[in-house]
Amino acid sequence: MVLSLDRSFCYMFSLIENIDSVVYTFIKVVILCRKFIYYELNENRENFNMKRFLVLALALVLTLSLTACGNNGNTLSNNANVSTVSSDDRITSSMETSKPTSSSTPINAATPSDESSVSSQSAGMNLTQIQAGNYSSLQGTWKGVAYAVNPQNGTGEQWKAGTLYSLSVSNDKIVNGDGFMVIQGNTLMDSAGSHPLSFENSGGSLDASLTDQDVAINWDVSFYPKGVTNDLQPNNGVKIDNTKNLIVIWTSNNSVYEVFAQTNTSY
């Protein structure tokens, strides 16, 4: 009978997973105590039934206690996992280095009625020349009309009307701010050095992005001739007039957007 009880105890405790060494030691002590009580019972048969009941009751209480501890451990583990995922999401958002893309229709972009209209309106911004590093068609005054900054608090880019930095254009160079970003030919230069550019001409607009996207600070510059649809979606009541030529600069540093409109031309 003692051997049968020993096997029952071992089988019962083998079903409990992830119990640390302290609990195992405690269980062994209980088994030794039970054996001690059995030997004592051999000498005192009249209390046999009562003490056997106490041993079984003790085993039941231990089983229920260990099961409850296991459930609490799982609950705490699940809560920790949820907290970790939320933290990772926040970190991913703040360190994102690729330009966000929009799947919905822009809310403030006027669409030309036909292809001939687009062609005539786009005549002032020569996308082929721009891609080749000739910016003569961009000569004139460029004014910042809107900008957006991501405050990294879960609200995304927050748009404001006005100017964040300046933009100047010469025949062979585009300079943002005091020179912290410069485009010349097929190269973009910033504080980290020179980066080759890749161009994508959609027929209506031109996009210049870094060939190597694995950089600490990423950049993207888009050229929109007047009247061409853009993918900007400003909030906070900000409106962007696409009846003028636009240059949009994006950087992964706080996901800043800058929108410049050509207020007059000199070509």
Foldseek 3Di string as FASTA:
>chain_A
DLVVVVVVLVVLVVVQPDDDPVVVVVSVVLNVVVVVVVVVCVVVVVCVVVVVVVSVVVSVVVSVVSVVVVVVVVVVVVVVVVVVVVVVVLVCLLQDADADDDPDFADFAFADPDPVVLVVQQVLADPVCVQQQFGQSVAAAKFWFKKWFQPSPPPGTAMDTGFDAGWDDDGFKIATHPRQWIDGHQWIQHPVGIFGWDWDDPPAKIKIWGPDSPDRKTKIKIKGGANHGDRDHHDPPRHDHSNFIWIWMFMSNRGMIIIIGGPDHDD
